[in-house]
Amino acid sequence: MNNNVEESFLRLVKIMDDLREKCPWDRNQTIDTLRPLTIEETYELADAITNNDWKNIKEELGDLMLHLIFYAKIGSEQNQFTLQDVIESICNKLIIRHPHIYGDVKVNDEEDVKKNWEQIKMKEGKKSVLSGVPSSLPAMVKASRIQEKAKQVGFEWETKEEVWKKVEEEIDELKEAIAGDDKNNIEAEFGDIMFSLINYARFLHIDAEGVLERTNKKFIYRFTRIEQEAKTMGKDLTEMSLQEMDAIWNRVKKENSNL
């Protein structure tokens, strides 16, 4: 870290100290009141990354960095830990969990690194390879993380063809549940299909959450274009047939397939 970066970091820490002492809003914050704001900032960063918006990525990283220092400040006030404790903790963790860099362990590729990471975590006292997956993660992200962690101990299909066969198997089971008109079973089988598709996405090296969000944005763009076209024509969407709306949809899609 060069001196300019160190000075900027210490400047931010000093500003946090000032705000905590002098600003009524900052002074009243607790870890509980900050939590929803931190979640919001994290999603704003995720949006900026999805949009490949480097200007906003920079700004959102700054917002998150402020939150990290804010939590450390409160932790220090509560005599729980200091900012230095936080930084030293992550430094020590990174060194311990990268023995191929700071020790004599040999690795061949990224997968070896991940396996070593999980093995070290288990030695540190983790009761399950899945215990590090936050319960509050969005379901799709959580499914992917669960699958990734299970993979590190060998619980994994060997080929994407095997995974797709599992997807087809789950689809057949859903059809059977629908035929039996069993709502609970229908929901269970639908969930199994989604879980299997997320697994298949991993084998295709696709971020299921990310590609679904891009599809969401694409749908929003095309649907709002339909609304705009209808307004130009002096019509309400409820007055238009599905065929009319679909014709506009296809025209918009043809103009730009990515939007």
Protein backbone atom coordinates (compact mmCIF):
# COMPACT_ATOMS: atom_id res chain seq x y z
CA MET A 1 0.00 0.00 0.00
CA ASN A 2 1.54 3.32 -1.02
CA ASN A 3 1.47 6.41 1.19
CA ASN A 4 -1.38 8.02 -0.76
CA VAL A 5 -3.64 5.02 -0.19
CA GLU A 6 -2.69 4.89 3.49
CA GLU A 7 -3.45 8.61 3.86
CA SER A 8 -6.82 8.23 2.15
CA PHE A 9 -7.74 5.26 4.34
CA LEU A 10 -6.78 7.09 7.53
CA ARG A 11 -8.70 10.14 6.31
CA LEU A 12 -11.84 8.01 6.00
CA VAL A 13 -11.29 6.57 9.48
CA LYS A 14 -10.90 10.12 10.88
CA ILE A 15 -14.09 11.26 9.14
CA MET A 16 -15.94 8.29 10.65
CA ASP A 17 -14.65 9.33 14.10
CA ASP A 18 -15.87 12.89 13.51
CA LEU A 19 -19.29 11.79 12.29
CA ARG A 20 -19.78 9.42 15.20
CA GLU A 21 -18.98 12.22 17.64
CA LYS A 22 -20.67 15.22 16.01
CA CYS A 23 -23.50 14.04 13.72
CA PRO A 24 -26.82 13.17 15.46
CA TRP A 25 -27.74 10.59 12.81
CA ASP A 26 -24.37 8.82 12.77
CA ARG A 27 -24.18 8.92 16.56
CA ASN A 28 -27.53 7.10 16.89
CA GLN A 29 -26.71 4.20 14.57
CA THR A 30 -26.27 0.65 15.88
CA ILE A 31 -25.29 -2.58 14.15
CA ASP A 32 -29.01 -3.37 13.93
CA THR A 33 -29.99 -0.09 12.27
CA LEU A 34 -27.05 -0.33 9.87
CA ARG A 35 -27.84 -3.89 8.80
CA PRO A 36 -30.68 -3.12 6.32
CA LEU A 37 -28.70 -0.20 4.93
CA THR A 38 -25.68 -2.43 4.36
CA ILE A 39 -27.85 -4.97 2.56
CA GLU A 40 -29.22 -2.19 0.34
CA GLU A 41 -25.71 -0.91 -0.44
CA THR A 42 -24.62 -4.45 -1.31
CA TYR A 43 -27.48 -4.80 -3.79
CA GLU A 44 -26.65 -1.41 -5.29
CA LEU A 45 -23.10 -2.66 -5.85
CA ALA A 46 -24.51 -5.83 -7.40
CA ASP A 47 -26.62 -3.72 -9.78
CA ALA A 48 -23.60 -1.67 -10.79
CA ILE A 49 -21.62 -4.86 -11.48
CA THR A 50 -24.48 -6.34 -13.51
CA ASN A 51 -24.59 -3.16 -15.60
CA ASN A 52 -20.79 -3.09 -15.92
CA ASP A 53 -21.02 0.47 -14.61
CA TRP A 54 -17.51 1.17 -13.36
CA LYS A 55 -18.33 4.68 -12.13
CA ASN A 56 -21.05 3.36 -9.84
CA ILE A 57 -18.96 0.32 -8.87
CA LYS A 58 -16.37 2.74 -7.51
CA GLU A 59 -19.00 4.76 -5.63
CA GLU A 60 -20.76 1.72 -4.17
CA LEU A 61 -17.45 0.22 -3.05
CA GLY A 62 -16.83 3.46 -1.18
CA ASP A 63 -20.24 3.24 0.48
CA LEU A 64 -19.59 -0.33 1.56
CA MET A 65 -16.13 0.56 2.84
CA LEU A 66 -17.70 3.27 4.99
CA HIS A 67 -20.10 0.68 6.42
CA LEU A 68 -17.23 -1.66 7.28
CA ILE A 69 -15.41 1.09 9.13
CA PHE A 70 -18.70 2.09 10.80
CA TYR A 71 -19.20 -1.44 12.18
CA ALA A 72 -15.59 -1.52 13.39
CA LYS A 73 -16.10 1.85 15.12
CA ILE A 74 -19.18 0.55 16.94
CA GLY A 75 -17.34 -2.66 17.81
CA SER A 76 -14.55 -0.61 19.35
CA GLU A 77 -17.03 1.48 21.35
CA GLN A 78 -18.61 -1.72 22.66
CA ASN A 79 -15.17 -3.09 23.61
CA GLN A 80 -15.71 -6.02 21.23
CA PHE A 81 -12.91 -5.42 18.70
CA THR A 82 -10.99 -2.65 16.97
CA LEU A 83 -10.51 -1.84 13.31
CA GLN A 84 -6.98 -3.18 13.63
CA ASP A 85 -8.38 -6.44 15.04
CA VAL A 86 -10.64 -6.75 11.99
CA ILE A 87 -7.79 -6.15 9.55
CA GLU A 88 -5.36 -8.46 11.35
CA SER A 89 -8.02 -11.17 11.51
CA ILE A 90 -8.57 -11.23 7.76
CA CYS A 91 -4.82 -11.03 7.08
CA ASN A 92 -4.19 -14.05 9.32
CA LYS A 93 -7.10 -15.97 7.78
CA LEU A 94 -5.84 -15.35 4.24
CA ILE A 95 -2.33 -16.53 5.11
CA ILE A 96 -3.59 -19.68 6.85
CA ARG A 97 -5.97 -20.54 4.02
CA HIS A 98 -3.40 -20.03 1.27
CA PRO A 99 -0.68 -22.53 2.24
CA HIS A 100 0.25 -22.82 -1.44
CA ILE A 101 1.41 -19.18 -1.24
CA TYR A 102 2.61 -18.88 2.37
CA GLY A 103 3.57 -22.51 2.95
CA ASP A 104 4.85 -25.57 1.12
CA VAL A 105 1.53 -26.98 -0.15
CA LYS A 106 1.39 -27.63 -3.89
CA VAL A 107 -1.71 -27.02 -6.00
CA ASN A 108 -2.39 -27.68 -9.67
CA ASP A 109 -5.38 -25.44 -10.29
CA GLU A 110 -8.24 -23.41 -8.85
CA GLU A 111 -10.15 -26.51 -7.78
CA ASP A 112 -7.24 -27.64 -5.59
CA VAL A 113 -7.26 -24.22 -3.93
CA LYS A 114 -11.00 -24.50 -3.17
CA LYS A 115 -10.62 -28.00 -1.74
CA ASN A 116 -7.75 -26.91 0.50
CA TRP A 117 -9.83 -23.95 1.66
CA GLU A 118 -12.72 -26.19 2.75
CA GLN A 119 -10.41 -28.70 4.43
CA ILE A 120 -8.73 -25.93 6.43
CA LYS A 121 -12.12 -24.55 7.48
CA MET A 122 -13.13 -27.99 8.77
CA LYS A 123 -9.89 -28.19 10.78
CA GLU A 124 -10.77 -24.79 12.26
CA GLY A 125 -13.85 -26.33 13.84
CA LYS A 126 -16.58 -26.10 11.21
CA LYS A 127 -19.14 -28.86 11.86
CA SER A 128 -20.24 -29.08 8.22
CA VAL A 129 -18.88 -28.00 4.86
CA LEU A 130 -22.23 -26.23 4.44
CA SER A 131 -22.08 -24.32 7.73
CA GLY A 132 -20.47 -21.28 6.09
CA VAL A 133 -23.46 -20.64 3.80
CA PRO A 134 -25.45 -17.69 5.25
CA SER A 135 -29.08 -18.60 5.94
CA SER A 136 -30.25 -15.19 4.71
CA LEU A 137 -28.77 -15.55 1.21
CA PRO A 138 -31.26 -15.33 -1.66
CA ALA A 139 -32.40 -18.86 -2.49
CA MET A 140 -30.77 -19.02 -5.93
CA VAL A 141 -27.41 -17.79 -4.68
CA LYS A 142 -27.65 -20.11 -1.69
CA ALA A 143 -28.32 -23.13 -3.93
CA SER A 144 -25.22 -22.38 -5.98
CA ARG A 145 -23.05 -21.93 -2.88
CA ILE A 146 -24.36 -25.16 -1.34
CA GLN A 147 -23.54 -27.06 -4.52
CA GLU A 148 -20.07 -25.51 -4.76
CA LYS A 149 -19.24 -26.47 -1.19
CA ALA A 150 -20.55 -30.03 -1.58
CA LYS A 151 -18.37 -30.32 -4.66
CA GLN A 152 -15.22 -29.70 -2.62
CA VAL A 153 -15.67 -33.02 -0.79
CA GLY A 154 -16.48 -34.96 -3.96
CA PHE A 155 -20.30 -34.80 -3.88
CA GLU A 156 -20.62 -33.83 -7.54
CA TRP A 157 -21.69 -35.17 -10.92
CA GLU A 158 -18.83 -35.90 -13.30
CA THR A 159 -20.29 -34.47 -16.52
CA LYS A 160 -22.86 -31.88 -17.54
CA GLU A 161 -24.69 -34.62 -19.46
CA GLU A 162 -25.37 -36.39 -16.16
CA VAL A 163 -26.68 -33.17 -14.67
CA TRP A 164 -29.01 -32.56 -17.62
CA LYS A 165 -30.32 -36.10 -17.28
CA LYS A 166 -31.17 -35.22 -13.68
CA VAL A 167 -32.98 -32.07 -14.86
CA GLU A 168 -35.07 -34.15 -17.28
CA GLU A 169 -35.79 -36.66 -14.51
CA GLU A 170 -37.04 -33.87 -12.25
CA ILE A 171 -39.22 -32.46 -15.05
CA ASP A 172 -40.83 -35.88 -15.50
CA GLU A 173 -41.49 -36.04 -11.76
CA LEU A 174 -43.12 -32.61 -11.88
CA LYS A 175 -45.39 -33.76 -14.70
CA GLU A 176 -46.43 -36.75 -12.58
CA ALA A 177 -47.15 -34.48 -9.62
CA ILE A 178 -49.25 -32.17 -11.83
CA ALA A 179 -51.16 -35.16 -13.17
CA GLY A 180 -51.85 -36.21 -9.58
CA ASP A 181 -52.98 -32.68 -8.68
CA ASP A 182 -50.88 -32.80 -5.50
CA LYS A 183 -50.00 -29.17 -4.67
CA ASN A 184 -47.36 -29.98 -2.05
CA ASN A 185 -45.69 -32.46 -4.38
CA ILE A 186 -45.91 -30.02 -7.31
CA GLU A 187 -44.12 -27.37 -5.27
CA ALA A 188 -41.46 -29.84 -4.12
CA GLU A 189 -40.77 -31.10 -7.65
CA PHE A 190 -40.69 -27.56 -9.06
CA GLY A 191 -38.09 -26.67 -6.43
CA ASP A 192 -36.07 -29.75 -7.41
CA ILE A 193 -36.10 -28.62 -11.05
CA MET A 194 -34.81 -25.18 -10.11
CA PHE A 195 -32.07 -26.66 -7.93
CA SER A 196 -31.02 -29.00 -10.75
CA LEU A 197 -31.01 -26.17 -13.32
CA ILE A 198 -28.78 -24.09 -11.06
CA ASN A 199 -26.46 -27.09 -10.83
CA TYR A 200 -26.48 -27.35 -14.63
CA ALA A 201 -25.66 -23.65 -14.86
CA ARG A 202 -22.56 -24.28 -12.73
CA PHE A 203 -21.43 -26.97 -15.17
CA LEU A 204 -21.86 -24.46 -18.00
CA HIS A 205 -19.84 -21.93 -15.94
CA ILE A 206 -22.86 -19.62 -15.80
CA ASP A 207 -23.88 -17.45 -12.85
CA ALA A 208 -27.55 -18.42 -12.60
CA GLU A 209 -28.46 -15.41 -10.46
CA GLY A 210 -26.64 -13.01 -12.77
CA VAL A 211 -28.13 -14.30 -16.01
CA LEU A 212 -31.64 -14.33 -14.53
CA GLU A 213 -31.22 -10.70 -13.47
CA ARG A 214 -30.12 -9.78 -17.01
CA THR A 215 -33.22 -11.56 -18.32
CA ASN A 216 -35.34 -9.60 -15.82
CA LYS A 217 -33.86 -6.33 -17.11
CA LYS A 218 -34.44 -7.44 -20.70
CA PHE A 219 -38.09 -8.22 -19.98
CA ILE A 220 -38.60 -4.88 -18.21
CA TYR A 221 -37.10 -3.01 -21.18
CA ARG A 222 -39.25 -4.80 -23.76
CA PHE A 223 -42.44 -4.59 -21.73
CA THR A 224 -42.01 -0.86 -21.08
CA ARG A 225 -41.50 -0.41 -24.83
CA ILE A 226 -44.87 -2.10 -25.37
CA GLU A 227 -46.40 0.33 -22.89
CA GLN A 228 -44.81 3.27 -24.73
CA GLU A 229 -46.01 2.02 -28.12
CA ALA A 230 -49.53 1.57 -26.76
CA LYS A 231 -49.52 5.11 -25.36
CA THR A 232 -48.35 6.47 -28.72
CA MET A 233 -51.25 4.65 -30.38
CA GLY A 234 -53.64 6.10 -27.81
CA LYS A 235 -54.41 2.68 -26.39
CA ASP A 236 -54.38 1.09 -22.97
CA LEU A 237 -52.67 -2.30 -22.67
CA THR A 238 -55.92 -3.80 -21.45
CA GLU A 239 -57.47 -2.80 -24.79
CA MET A 240 -54.81 -4.58 -26.84
CA SER A 241 -54.82 -8.23 -27.81
CA LEU A 242 -51.95 -10.53 -26.92
CA GLN A 243 -51.15 -10.75 -30.64
CA GLU A 244 -50.79 -6.95 -30.89
CA MET A 245 -48.53 -6.81 -27.84
CA ASP A 246 -46.52 -9.78 -29.07
CA ALA A 247 -45.96 -8.08 -32.44
CA ILE A 248 -44.43 -5.06 -30.67
CA TRP A 249 -42.37 -7.37 -28.46
CA ASN A 250 -40.92 -9.17 -31.48
CA ARG A 251 -40.13 -5.87 -33.23
CA VAL A 252 -38.30 -4.57 -30.15
CA LYS A 253 -36.47 -7.89 -29.83
CA LYS A 254 -35.39 -7.71 -33.47
CA GLU A 255 -34.08 -4.16 -33.01
CA ASN A 256 -31.77 -5.27 -30.21
CA SER A 257 -31.72 -8.89 -29.08
CA ASN A 258 -29.71 -7.97 -25.96
CA LEU A 259 -32.41 -5.61 -24.65
